[in-house]
Amino acid sequence: RIIWTLVAILIAAISIYFVIAQSKNFSIESFVNFITGSNPMW
């Protein structure tokens, strides 16, 4: 259980890094604005 949980966390981290690396325009600030500017009901 521990091994596969760690593997899943590692793959998740790599996936998120891959997604962010794909976009040259990504920034934490724009990401936060993307969330805060959305409709909470959705």
PDB file of all heavy atoms in Angstrom:
ATOM      1  N   ARG A   1       0.832  -1.197   0.000  1.00  0.00           N
ATOM      2  CA  ARG A   1       0.000   0.000   0.000  1.00  0.00           C
ATOM      3  C   ARG A   1       0.867   1.248   0.000  1.00  0.00           C
ATOM      4  O   ARG A   1       0.603   2.211  -0.726  1.00  0.00           O
ATOM      5  CB  ARG A   1      -0.930   0.013   1.226  1.00  0.00           C
ATOM      6  CG  ARG A   1      -2.001  -1.053   1.207  1.00  0.00           C
ATOM      7  CD  ARG A   1      -3.138  -0.673   2.132  1.00  0.00           C
ATOM      8  NE  ARG A   1      -2.704  -0.420   3.497  1.00  0.00           N
ATOM      9  CZ  ARG A   1      -2.644  -1.352   4.442  1.00  0.00           C
ATOM     10  NH1 ARG A   1      -2.960  -2.602   4.155  1.00  0.00           N
ATOM     11  NH2 ARG A   1      -2.256  -1.047   5.662  1.00  0.00           N
ATOM     12  N   ILE A   2       1.922   1.233   0.826  1.00  0.00           N
ATOM     13  CA  ILE A   2       2.816   2.387   0.924  1.00  0.00           C
ATOM     14  C   ILE A   2       3.549   2.610  -0.397  1.00  0.00           C
ATOM     15  O   ILE A   2       3.658   3.736  -0.887  1.00  0.00           O
ATOM     16  CB  ILE A   2       3.833   2.196   2.076  1.00  0.00           C
ATOM     17  CG1 ILE A   2       3.109   2.197   3.426  1.00  0.00           C
ATOM     18  CG2 ILE A   2       4.887   3.296   2.042  1.00  0.00           C
ATOM     19  CD1 ILE A   2       4.003   1.854   4.600  1.00  0.00           C
ATOM     20  N   ILE A   3       4.038   1.506  -0.993  1.00  0.00           N
ATOM     21  CA  ILE A   3       4.783   1.607  -2.244  1.00  0.00           C
ATOM     22  C   ILE A   3       3.921   2.210  -3.339  1.00  0.00           C
ATOM     23  O   ILE A   3       4.320   3.162  -4.019  1.00  0.00           O
ATOM     24  CB  ILE A   3       5.305   0.225  -2.689  1.00  0.00           C
ATOM     25  CG1 ILE A   3       6.438  -0.239  -1.749  1.00  0.00           C
ATOM     26  CG2 ILE A   3       5.818   0.284  -4.135  1.00  0.00           C
ATOM     27  CD1 ILE A   3       6.911  -1.658  -2.008  1.00  0.00           C
ATOM     28  N   TRP A   4       2.706   1.671  -3.518  1.00  0.00           N
ATOM     29  CA  TRP A   4       1.851   2.152  -4.596  1.00  0.00           C
ATOM     30  C   TRP A   4       1.335   3.564  -4.334  1.00  0.00           C
ATOM     31  O   TRP A   4       1.103   4.333  -5.271  1.00  0.00           O
ATOM     32  CB  TRP A   4       0.690   1.185  -4.830  1.00  0.00           C
ATOM     33  CG  TRP A   4       1.138  -0.039  -5.568  1.00  0.00           C
ATOM     34  CD1 TRP A   4       1.085  -1.323  -5.136  1.00  0.00           C
ATOM     35  CD2 TRP A   4       1.738  -0.079  -6.869  1.00  0.00           C
ATOM     36  NE1 TRP A   4       1.616  -2.166  -6.073  1.00  0.00           N
ATOM     37  CE2 TRP A   4       2.021  -1.431  -7.148  1.00  0.00           C
ATOM     38  CE3 TRP A   4       2.062   0.891  -7.812  1.00  0.00           C
ATOM     39  CZ2 TRP A   4       2.610  -1.824  -8.354  1.00  0.00           C
ATOM     40  CZ3 TRP A   4       2.652   0.496  -9.005  1.00  0.00           C
ATOM     41  CH2 TRP A   4       2.911  -0.843  -9.259  1.00  0.00           C
ATOM     42  N   THR A   5       1.156   3.908  -3.064  1.00  0.00           N
ATOM     43  CA  THR A   5       0.748   5.277  -2.741  1.00  0.00           C
ATOM     44  C   THR A   5       1.860   6.254  -3.127  1.00  0.00           C
ATOM     45  O   THR A   5       1.591   7.306  -3.722  1.00  0.00           O
ATOM     46  CB  THR A   5       0.432   5.421  -1.243  1.00  0.00           C
ATOM     47  OG1 THR A   5      -0.648   4.543  -0.905  1.00  0.00           O
ATOM     48  CG2 THR A   5       0.024   6.851  -0.910  1.00  0.00           C
ATOM     49  N   LEU A   6       3.097   5.892  -2.811  1.00  0.00           N
ATOM     50  CA  LEU A   6       4.235   6.743  -3.166  1.00  0.00           C
ATOM     51  C   LEU A   6       4.400   6.837  -4.682  1.00  0.00           C
ATOM     52  O   LEU A   6       4.701   7.911  -5.220  1.00  0.00           O
ATOM     53  CB  LEU A   6       5.524   6.194  -2.526  1.00  0.00           C
ATOM     54  CG  LEU A   6       5.608   6.295  -0.990  1.00  0.00           C
ATOM     55  CD1 LEU A   6       6.872   5.602  -0.488  1.00  0.00           C
ATOM     56  CD2 LEU A   6       5.593   7.759  -0.550  1.00  0.00           C
ATOM     57  N   VAL A   7       4.200   5.707  -5.377  1.00  0.00           N
ATOM     58  CA  VAL A   7       4.279   5.709  -6.836  1.00  0.00           C
ATOM     59  C   VAL A   7       3.220   6.635  -7.424  1.00  0.00           C
ATOM     60  O   VAL A   7       3.485   7.417  -8.344  1.00  0.00           O
ATOM     61  CB  VAL A   7       4.111   4.278  -7.396  1.00  0.00           C
ATOM     62  CG1 VAL A   7       3.931   4.316  -8.922  1.00  0.00           C
ATOM     63  CG2 VAL A   7       5.314   3.423  -7.048  1.00  0.00           C
ATOM     64  N   ALA A   8       1.997   6.543  -6.877  1.00  0.00           N
ATOM     65  CA  ALA A   8       0.900   7.390  -7.364  1.00  0.00           C
ATOM     66  C   ALA A   8       1.208   8.867  -7.128  1.00  0.00           C
ATOM     67  O   ALA A   8       0.950   9.711  -7.998  1.00  0.00           O
ATOM     68  CB  ALA A   8      -0.407   7.004  -6.666  1.00  0.00           C
ATOM     69  N   ILE A   9       1.764   9.192  -5.953  1.00  0.00           N
ATOM     70  CA  ILE A   9       2.117  10.586  -5.643  1.00  0.00           C
ATOM     71  C   ILE A   9       3.194  11.086  -6.600  1.00  0.00           C
ATOM     72  O   ILE A   9       3.135  12.219  -7.098  1.00  0.00           O
ATOM     73  CB  ILE A   9       2.591  10.714  -4.180  1.00  0.00           C
ATOM     74  CG1 ILE A   9       1.411  10.453  -3.225  1.00  0.00           C
ATOM     75  CG2 ILE A   9       3.184  12.102  -3.920  1.00  0.00           C
ATOM     76  CD1 ILE A   9       1.821  10.375  -1.770  1.00  0.00           C
ATOM     77  N   LEU A  10       4.178  10.222  -6.872  1.00  0.00           N
ATOM     78  CA  LEU A  10       5.267  10.591  -7.783  1.00  0.00           C
ATOM     79  C   LEU A  10       4.723  10.849  -9.185  1.00  0.00           C
ATOM     80  O   LEU A  10       5.074  11.858  -9.825  1.00  0.00           O
ATOM     81  CB  LEU A  10       6.315   9.473  -7.825  1.00  0.00           C
ATOM     82  CG  LEU A  10       7.492   9.692  -8.801  1.00  0.00           C
ATOM     83  CD1 LEU A  10       8.276  10.940  -8.416  1.00  0.00           C
ATOM     84  CD2 LEU A  10       8.402   8.466  -8.822  1.00  0.00           C
ATOM     85  N   ILE A  11       3.858   9.945  -9.666  1.00  0.00           N
ATOM     86  CA  ILE A  11       3.282  10.121 -11.009  1.00  0.00           C
ATOM     87  C   ILE A  11       2.423  11.377 -11.055  1.00  0.00           C
ATOM     88  O   ILE A  11       2.437  12.116 -12.046  1.00  0.00           O
ATOM     89  CB  ILE A  11       2.446   8.884 -11.392  1.00  0.00           C
ATOM     90  CG1 ILE A  11       3.360   7.664 -11.550  1.00  0.00           C
ATOM     91  CG2 ILE A  11       1.689   9.135 -12.706  1.00  0.00           C
ATOM     92  CD1 ILE A  11       2.621   6.378 -11.830  1.00  0.00           C
ATOM     93  N   ALA A  12       1.682  11.636  -9.973  1.00  0.00           N
ATOM     94  CA  ALA A  12       0.845  12.845  -9.917  1.00  0.00           C
ATOM     95  C   ALA A  12       1.722  14.091 -10.004  1.00  0.00           C
ATOM     96  O   ALA A  12       1.402  15.043 -10.733  1.00  0.00           O
ATOM     97  CB  ALA A  12       0.032  12.853  -8.628  1.00  0.00           C
ATOM     98  N   ALA A  13       2.840  14.088  -9.255  1.00  0.00           N
ATOM     99  CA  ALA A  13       3.744  15.234  -9.265  1.00  0.00           C
ATOM    100  C   ALA A  13       4.347  15.443 -10.654  1.00  0.00           C
ATOM    101  O   ALA A  13       4.430  16.575 -11.152  1.00  0.00           O
ATOM    102  CB  ALA A  13       4.854  15.027  -8.229  1.00  0.00           C
ATOM    103  N   ILE A  14       4.750  14.344 -11.295  1.00  0.00           N
ATOM    104  CA  ILE A  14       5.323  14.430 -12.639  1.00  0.00           C
ATOM    105  C   ILE A  14       4.277  14.930 -13.632  1.00  0.00           C
ATOM    106  O   ILE A  14       4.568  15.754 -14.518  1.00  0.00           O
ATOM    107  CB  ILE A  14       5.866  13.055 -13.086  1.00  0.00           C
ATOM    108  CG1 ILE A  14       7.071  12.658 -12.218  1.00  0.00           C
ATOM    109  CG2 ILE A  14       6.263  13.080 -14.562  1.00  0.00           C
ATOM    110  CD1 ILE A  14       7.571  11.249 -12.466  1.00  0.00           C
ATOM    111  N   SER A  15       3.035  14.442 -13.472  1.00  0.00           N
ATOM    112  CA  SER A  15       1.952  14.857 -14.374  1.00  0.00           C
ATOM    113  C   SER A  15       1.681  16.349 -14.258  1.00  0.00           C
ATOM    114  O   SER A  15       1.521  17.046 -15.269  1.00  0.00           O
ATOM    115  CB  SER A  15       0.670  14.067 -14.060  1.00  0.00           C
ATOM    116  OG  SER A  15       0.870  12.686 -14.240  1.00  0.00           O
ATOM    117  N   ILE A  16       1.613  16.825 -13.020  1.00  0.00           N
ATOM    118  CA  ILE A  16       1.361  18.256 -12.793  1.00  0.00           C
ATOM    119  C   ILE A  16       2.512  19.084 -13.357  1.00  0.00           C
ATOM    120  O   ILE A  16       2.294  20.125 -14.003  1.00  0.00           O
ATOM    121  CB  ILE A  16       1.171  18.539 -11.294  1.00  0.00           C
ATOM    122  CG1 ILE A  16      -0.132  17.878 -10.796  1.00  0.00           C
ATOM    123  CG2 ILE A  16       1.132  20.042 -11.018  1.00  0.00           C
ATOM    124  CD1 ILE A  16      -0.315  17.931  -9.295  1.00  0.00           C
ATOM    125  N   TYR A  17       3.741  18.615 -13.142  1.00  0.00           N
ATOM    126  CA  TYR A  17       4.907  19.325 -13.684  1.00  0.00           C
ATOM    127  C   TYR A  17       4.840  19.355 -15.215  1.00  0.00           C
ATOM    128  O   TYR A  17       5.113  20.381 -15.844  1.00  0.00           O
ATOM    129  CB  TYR A  17       6.197  18.632 -13.236  1.00  0.00           C
ATOM    130  CG  TYR A  17       7.436  19.211 -13.899  1.00  0.00           C
ATOM    131  CD1 TYR A  17       7.991  20.419 -13.464  1.00  0.00           C
ATOM    132  CD2 TYR A  17       8.031  18.557 -14.977  1.00  0.00           C
ATOM    133  CE1 TYR A  17       9.109  20.958 -14.088  1.00  0.00           C
ATOM    134  CE2 TYR A  17       9.144  19.085 -15.607  1.00  0.00           C
ATOM    135  CZ  TYR A  17       9.680  20.281 -15.157  1.00  0.00           C
ATOM    136  OH  TYR A  17      10.782  20.810 -15.778  1.00  0.00           O
ATOM    137  N   PHE A  18       4.459  18.218 -15.802  1.00  0.00           N
ATOM    138  CA  PHE A  18       4.352  18.134 -17.259  1.00  0.00           C
ATOM    139  C   PHE A  18       3.319  19.130 -17.793  1.00  0.00           C
ATOM    140  O   PHE A  18       3.559  19.822 -18.775  1.00  0.00           O
ATOM    141  CB  PHE A  18       3.954  16.706 -17.658  1.00  0.00           C
ATOM    142  CG  PHE A  18       3.525  16.574 -19.090  1.00  0.00           C
ATOM    143  CD1 PHE A  18       4.459  16.499 -20.117  1.00  0.00           C
ATOM    144  CD2 PHE A  18       2.175  16.514 -19.423  1.00  0.00           C
ATOM    145  CE1 PHE A  18       4.057  16.382 -21.441  1.00  0.00           C
ATOM    146  CE2 PHE A  18       1.767  16.402 -20.737  1.00  0.00           C
ATOM    147  CZ  PHE A  18       2.716  16.325 -21.750  1.00  0.00           C
ATOM    148  N   VAL A  19       2.176  19.191 -17.109  1.00  0.00           N
ATOM    149  CA  VAL A  19       1.111  20.100 -17.536  1.00  0.00           C
ATOM    150  C   VAL A  19       1.581  21.545 -17.475  1.00  0.00           C
ATOM    151  O   VAL A  19       1.366  22.335 -18.401  1.00  0.00           O
ATOM    152  CB  VAL A  19      -0.146  19.911 -16.661  1.00  0.00           C
ATOM    153  CG1 VAL A  19      -1.177  21.006 -16.935  1.00  0.00           C
ATOM    154  CG2 VAL A  19      -0.761  18.541 -16.915  1.00  0.00           C
ATOM    155  N   ILE A  20       2.230  21.896 -16.362  1.00  0.00           N
ATOM    156  CA  ILE A  20       2.703  23.272 -16.186  1.00  0.00           C
ATOM    157  C   ILE A  20       3.820  23.598 -17.180  1.00  0.00           C
ATOM    158  O   ILE A  20       3.860  24.686 -17.762  1.00  0.00           O
ATOM    159  CB  ILE A  20       3.196  23.492 -14.738  1.00  0.00           C
ATOM    160  CG1 ILE A  20       2.011  23.383 -13.765  1.00  0.00           C
ATOM    161  CG2 ILE A  20       3.868  24.848 -14.589  1.00  0.00           C
ATOM    162  CD1 ILE A  20       2.412  23.426 -12.300  1.00  0.00           C
ATOM    163  N   ALA A  21       4.714  22.622 -17.392  1.00  0.00           N
ATOM    164  CA  ALA A  21       5.836  22.844 -18.307  1.00  0.00           C
ATOM    165  C   ALA A  21       5.380  23.028 -19.746  1.00  0.00           C
ATOM    166  O   ALA A  21       6.055  23.695 -20.537  1.00  0.00           O
ATOM    167  CB  ALA A  21       6.809  21.662 -18.220  1.00  0.00           C
ATOM    168  N   GLN A  22       4.217  22.448 -20.081  1.00  0.00           N
ATOM    169  CA  GLN A  22       3.697  22.570 -21.434  1.00  0.00           C
ATOM    170  C   GLN A  22       3.300  24.006 -21.778  1.00  0.00           C
ATOM    171  O   GLN A  22       3.280  24.396 -22.929  1.00  0.00           O
ATOM    172  CB  GLN A  22       2.470  21.657 -21.607  1.00  0.00           C
ATOM    173  CG  GLN A  22       2.809  20.185 -21.759  1.00  0.00           C
ATOM    174  CD  GLN A  22       3.484  19.905 -23.092  1.00  0.00           C
ATOM    175  OE1 GLN A  22       4.705  19.793 -23.181  1.00  0.00           O
ATOM    176  NE2 GLN A  22       2.700  19.788 -24.144  1.00  0.00           N
ATOM    177  N   SER A  23       2.944  24.765 -20.728  1.00  0.00           N
ATOM    178  CA  SER A  23       2.493  26.133 -20.963  1.00  0.00           C
ATOM    179  C   SER A  23       3.563  27.134 -20.533  1.00  0.00           C
ATOM    180  O   SER A  23       3.911  27.213 -19.353  1.00  0.00           O
ATOM    181  CB  SER A  23       1.198  26.401 -20.182  1.00  0.00           C
ATOM    182  OG  SER A  23       0.807  27.746 -20.318  1.00  0.00           O
ATOM    183  N   LYS A  24       4.073  27.880 -21.485  1.00  0.00           N
ATOM    184  CA  LYS A  24       5.083  28.890 -21.174  1.00  0.00           C
ATOM    185  C   LYS A  24       4.464  30.089 -20.459  1.00  0.00           C
ATOM    186  O   LYS A  24       5.166  30.874 -19.816  1.00  0.00           O
ATOM    187  CB  LYS A  24       5.763  29.347 -22.467  1.00  0.00           C
ATOM    188  CG  LYS A  24       6.502  28.229 -23.198  1.00  0.00           C
ATOM    189  CD  LYS A  24       7.085  28.723 -24.510  1.00  0.00           C
ATOM    190  CE  LYS A  24       7.791  27.602 -25.256  1.00  0.00           C
ATOM    191  NZ  LYS A  24       8.339  28.053 -26.561  1.00  0.00           N
ATOM    192  N   ASN A  25       3.129  30.212 -20.578  1.00  0.00           N
ATOM    193  CA  ASN A  25       2.454  31.368 -19.994  1.00  0.00           C
ATOM    194  C   ASN A  25       1.892  31.107 -18.597  1.00  0.00           C
ATOM    195  O   ASN A  25       1.226  31.965 -18.025  1.00  0.00           O
ATOM    196  CB  ASN A  25       1.299  31.808 -20.917  1.00  0.00           C
ATOM    197  CG  ASN A  25       1.785  32.196 -22.296  1.00  0.00           C
ATOM    198  OD1 ASN A  25       2.815  32.845 -22.416  1.00  0.00           O
ATOM    199  ND2 ASN A  25       1.057  31.786 -23.329  1.00  0.00           N
ATOM    200  N   PHE A  26       2.152  29.901 -18.065  1.00  0.00           N
ATOM    201  CA  PHE A  26       1.589  29.585 -16.745  1.00  0.00           C
ATOM    202  C   PHE A  26       2.302  30.369 -15.653  1.00  0.00           C
ATOM    203  O   PHE A  26       3.521  30.529 -15.654  1.00  0.00           O
ATOM    204  CB  PHE A  26       1.723  28.087 -16.454  1.00  0.00           C
ATOM    205  CG  PHE A  26       1.217  27.712 -15.092  1.00  0.00           C
ATOM    206  CD1 PHE A  26      -0.135  27.485 -14.873  1.00  0.00           C
ATOM    207  CD2 PHE A  26       2.097  27.603 -14.017  1.00  0.00           C
ATOM    208  CE1 PHE A  26      -0.605  27.144 -13.618  1.00  0.00           C
ATOM    209  CE2 PHE A  26       1.629  27.252 -12.748  1.00  0.00           C
ATOM    210  CZ  PHE A  26       0.279  27.024 -12.562  1.00  0.00           C
ATOM    211  N   SER A  27       1.495  30.851 -14.691  1.00  0.00           N
ATOM    212  CA  SER A  27       2.054  31.498 -13.507  1.00  0.00           C
ATOM    213  C   SER A  27       1.106  31.264 -12.343  1.00  0.00           C
ATOM    214  O   SER A  27      -0.105  31.086 -12.540  1.00  0.00           O
ATOM    215  CB  SER A  27       2.239  33.003 -13.740  1.00  0.00           C
ATOM    216  OG  SER A  27       0.977  33.653 -13.814  1.00  0.00           O
ATOM    217  N   ILE A  28       1.646  31.241 -11.137  1.00  0.00           N
ATOM    218  CA  ILE A  28       0.833  31.035  -9.940  1.00  0.00           C
ATOM    219  C   ILE A  28      -0.216  32.137  -9.824  1.00  0.00           C
ATOM    220  O   ILE A  28      -1.374  31.891  -9.476  1.00  0.00           O
ATOM    221  CB  ILE A  28       1.712  31.012  -8.673  1.00  0.00           C
ATOM    222  CG1 ILE A  28       2.698  29.836  -8.726  1.00  0.00           C
ATOM    223  CG2 ILE A  28       0.842  30.910  -7.437  1.00  0.00           C
ATOM    224  CD1 ILE A  28       2.049  28.474  -8.740  1.00  0.00           C
ATOM    225  N   GLU A  29       0.190  33.354 -10.144  1.00  0.00           N
ATOM    226  CA  GLU A  29      -0.721  34.491 -10.034  1.00  0.00           C
ATOM    227  C   GLU A  29      -1.930  34.334 -10.962  1.00  0.00           C
ATOM    228  O   GLU A  29      -3.076  34.542 -10.546  1.00  0.00           O
ATOM    229  CB  GLU A  29       0.020  35.793 -10.366  1.00  0.00           C
ATOM    230  CG  GLU A  29      -0.846  37.042 -10.205  1.00  0.00           C
ATOM    231  CD  GLU A  29      -0.084  38.309 -10.552  1.00  0.00           C
ATOM    232  OE1 GLU A  29       1.135  38.242 -10.802  1.00  0.00           O
ATOM    233  OE2 GLU A  29      -0.730  39.384 -10.564  1.00  0.00           O
ATOM    234  N   SER A  30      -1.659  33.944 -12.208  1.00  0.00           N
ATOM    235  CA  SER A  30      -2.757  33.776 -13.157  1.00  0.00           C
ATOM    236  C   SER A  30      -3.653  32.602 -12.765  1.00  0.00           C
ATOM    237  O   SER A  30      -4.875  32.636 -12.947  1.00  0.00           O
ATOM    238  CB  SER A  30      -2.211  33.558 -14.572  1.00  0.00           C
ATOM    239  OG  SER A  30      -1.497  32.340 -14.658  1.00  0.00           O
ATOM    240  N   PHE A  31      -3.034  31.574 -12.194  1.00  0.00           N
ATOM    241  CA  PHE A  31      -3.797  30.407 -11.739  1.00  0.00           C
ATOM    242  C   PHE A  31      -4.743  30.793 -10.606  1.00  0.00           C
ATOM    243  O   PHE A  31      -5.916  30.400 -10.593  1.00  0.00           O
ATOM    244  CB  PHE A  31      -2.835  29.301 -11.284  1.00  0.00           C
ATOM    245  CG  PHE A  31      -3.520  28.034 -10.854  1.00  0.00           C
ATOM    246  CD1 PHE A  31      -4.197  27.246 -11.774  1.00  0.00           C
ATOM    247  CD2 PHE A  31      -3.488  27.628  -9.523  1.00  0.00           C
ATOM    248  CE1 PHE A  31      -4.824  26.066 -11.378  1.00  0.00           C
ATOM    249  CE2 PHE A  31      -4.112  26.463  -9.121  1.00  0.00           C
ATOM    250  CZ  PHE A  31      -4.771  25.680 -10.049  1.00  0.00           C
ATOM    251  N   VAL A  32      -4.234  31.572  -9.643  1.00  0.00           N
ATOM    252  CA  VAL A  32      -5.060  32.032  -8.526  1.00  0.00           C
ATOM    253  C   VAL A  32      -6.190  32.928  -9.036  1.00  0.00           C
ATOM    254  O   VAL A  32      -7.345  32.812  -8.602  1.00  0.00           O
ATOM    255  CB  VAL A  32      -4.196  32.787  -7.489  1.00  0.00           C
ATOM    256  CG1 VAL A  32      -5.093  33.428  -6.422  1.00  0.00           C
ATOM    257  CG2 VAL A  32      -3.199  31.835  -6.827  1.00  0.00           C
ATOM    258  N   ASN A  33      -5.860  33.807  -9.964  1.00  0.00           N
ATOM    259  CA  ASN A  33      -6.884  34.689 -10.551  1.00  0.00           C
ATOM    260  C   ASN A  33      -7.934  33.883 -11.310  1.00  0.00           C
ATOM    261  O   ASN A  33      -9.114  34.233 -11.325  1.00  0.00           O
ATOM    262  CB  ASN A  33      -6.232  35.705 -11.504  1.00  0.00           C
ATOM    263  CG  ASN A  33      -5.386  36.714 -10.764  1.00  0.00           C
ATOM    264  OD1 ASN A  33      -5.612  36.988  -9.584  1.00  0.00           O
ATOM    265  ND2 ASN A  33      -4.397  37.269 -11.446  1.00  0.00           N
ATOM    266  N   PHE A  34      -7.475  32.804 -11.929  1.00  0.00           N
ATOM    267  CA  PHE A  34      -8.377  31.919 -12.672  1.00  0.00           C
ATOM    268  C   PHE A  34      -9.427  31.323 -11.734  1.00  0.00           C
ATOM    269  O   PHE A  34     -10.596  31.187 -12.092  1.00  0.00           O
ATOM    270  CB  PHE A  34      -7.547  30.807 -13.322  1.00  0.00           C
ATOM    271  CG  PHE A  34      -8.263  30.048 -14.405  1.00  0.00           C
ATOM    272  CD1 PHE A  34      -8.535  30.643 -15.619  1.00  0.00           C
ATOM    273  CD2 PHE A  34      -8.634  28.720 -14.219  1.00  0.00           C
ATOM    274  CE1 PHE A  34      -9.177  29.946 -16.635  1.00  0.00           C
ATOM    275  CE2 PHE A  34      -9.274  28.015 -15.224  1.00  0.00           C
ATOM    276  CZ  PHE A  34      -9.546  28.631 -16.444  1.00  0.00           C
ATOM    277  N   ILE A  35      -8.987  30.993 -10.504  1.00  0.00           N
ATOM    278  CA  ILE A  35      -9.891  30.396  -9.520  1.00  0.00           C
ATOM    279  C   ILE A  35     -10.782  31.453  -8.883  1.00  0.00           C
ATOM    280  O   ILE A  35     -12.010  31.308  -8.816  1.00  0.00           O
ATOM    281  CB  ILE A  35      -9.099  29.657  -8.422  1.00  0.00           C
ATOM    282  CG1 ILE A  35      -8.284  28.499  -9.039  1.00  0.00           C
ATOM    283  CG2 ILE A  35     -10.044  29.110  -7.350  1.00  0.00           C
ATOM    284  CD1 ILE A  35      -7.362  27.828  -8.051  1.00  0.00           C
ATOM    285  N   THR A  36     -10.150  32.527  -8.401  1.00  0.00           N
ATOM    286  CA  THR A  36     -10.916  33.559  -7.677  1.00  0.00           C
ATOM    287  C   THR A  36     -11.921  34.281  -8.571  1.00  0.00           C
ATOM    288  O   THR A  36     -12.932  34.802  -8.097  1.00  0.00           O
ATOM    289  CB  THR A  36      -9.958  34.595  -7.057  1.00  0.00           C
ATOM    290  OG1 THR A  36      -9.115  35.144  -8.099  1.00  0.00           O
ATOM    291  CG2 THR A  36      -9.086  33.953  -5.991  1.00  0.00           C
ATOM    292  N   GLY A  37     -11.657  34.296  -9.861  1.00  0.00           N
ATOM    293  CA  GLY A  37     -12.570  34.973 -10.771  1.00  0.00           C
ATOM    294  C   GLY A  37     -13.704  34.092 -11.257  1.00  0.00           C
ATOM    295  O   GLY A  37     -14.519  34.511 -12.077  1.00  0.00           O
ATOM    296  N   SER A  38     -13.766  32.858 -10.752  1.00  0.00           N
ATOM    297  CA  SER A  38     -14.795  31.918 -11.204  1.00  0.00           C
ATOM    298  C   SER A  38     -16.040  31.987 -10.323  1.00  0.00           C
ATOM    299  O   SER A  38     -16.029  32.552  -9.223  1.00  0.00           O
ATOM    300  CB  SER A  38     -14.235  30.491 -11.202  1.00  0.00           C
ATOM    301  OG  SER A  38     -13.818  30.129  -9.900  1.00  0.00           O
ATOM    302  N   ASN A  39     -17.112  31.377 -10.810  1.00  0.00           N
ATOM    303  CA  ASN A  39     -18.387  31.346 -10.100  1.00  0.00           C
ATOM    304  C   ASN A  39     -18.395  30.193  -9.100  1.00  0.00           C
ATOM    305  O   ASN A  39     -18.313  29.020  -9.494  1.00  0.00           O
ATOM    306  CB  ASN A  39     -19.528  31.169 -11.111  1.00  0.00           C
ATOM    307  CG  ASN A  39     -20.895  31.328 -10.464  1.00  0.00           C
ATOM    308  OD1 ASN A  39     -21.092  31.037  -9.302  1.00  0.00           O
ATOM    309  ND2 ASN A  39     -21.860  31.794 -11.249  1.00  0.00           N
ATOM    310  N   PRO A  40     -18.503  30.492  -7.789  1.00  0.00           N
ATOM    311  CA  PRO A  40     -18.444  29.428  -6.770  1.00  0.00           C
ATOM    312  C   PRO A  40     -19.571  28.407  -6.882  1.00  0.00           C
ATOM    313  O   PRO A  40     -19.409  27.252  -6.470  1.00  0.00           O
ATOM    314  CB  PRO A  40     -18.527  30.206  -5.452  1.00  0.00           C
ATOM    315  CG  PRO A  40     -19.149  31.522  -5.805  1.00  0.00           C
ATOM    316  CD  PRO A  40     -18.662  31.820  -7.179  1.00  0.00           C
ATOM    317  N   MET A  41     -20.721  28.805  -7.423  1.00  0.00           N
ATOM    318  CA  MET A  41     -21.840  27.869  -7.560  1.00  0.00           C
ATOM    319  C   MET A  41     -21.482  26.718  -8.498  1.00  0.00           C
ATOM    320  O   MET A  41     -21.908  25.576  -8.287  1.00  0.00           O
ATOM    321  CB  MET A  41     -23.082  28.601  -8.073  1.00  0.00           C
ATOM    322  CG  MET A  41     -23.648  29.637  -7.104  1.00  0.00           C
ATOM    323  SD  MET A  41     -24.020  28.921  -5.466  1.00  0.00           S
ATOM    324  CE  MET A  41     -25.305  27.746  -5.898  1.00  0.00           C
ATOM    325  N   TRP A  42     -20.691  27.020  -9.535  1.00  0.00           N
ATOM    326  CA  TRP A  42     -20.264  25.960 -10.441  1.00  0.00           C
ATOM    327  C   TRP A  42     -19.332  24.975  -9.729  1.00  0.00           C
ATOM    328  O   TRP A  42     -19.379  23.771  -9.998  1.00  0.00           O
ATOM    329  CB  TRP A  42     -19.552  26.558 -11.652  1.00  0.00           C
ATOM    330  CG  TRP A  42     -20.445  27.233 -12.643  1.00  0.00           C
ATOM    331  CD1 TRP A  42     -20.454  28.561 -12.981  1.00  0.00           C
ATOM    332  CD2 TRP A  42     -21.481  26.632 -13.435  1.00  0.00           C
ATOM    333  NE1 TRP A  42     -21.411  28.827 -13.926  1.00  0.00           N
ATOM    334  CE2 TRP A  42     -22.066  27.655 -14.231  1.00  0.00           C
ATOM    335  CE3 TRP A  42     -21.974  25.330 -13.557  1.00  0.00           C
ATOM    336  CZ2 TRP A  42     -23.099  27.407 -15.124  1.00  0.00           C
ATOM    337  CZ3 TRP A  42     -23.007  25.089 -14.448  1.00  0.00           C
ATOM    338  CH2 TRP A  42     -23.559  26.119 -15.213  1.00  0.00           C
TER     339      TRP A  42
END
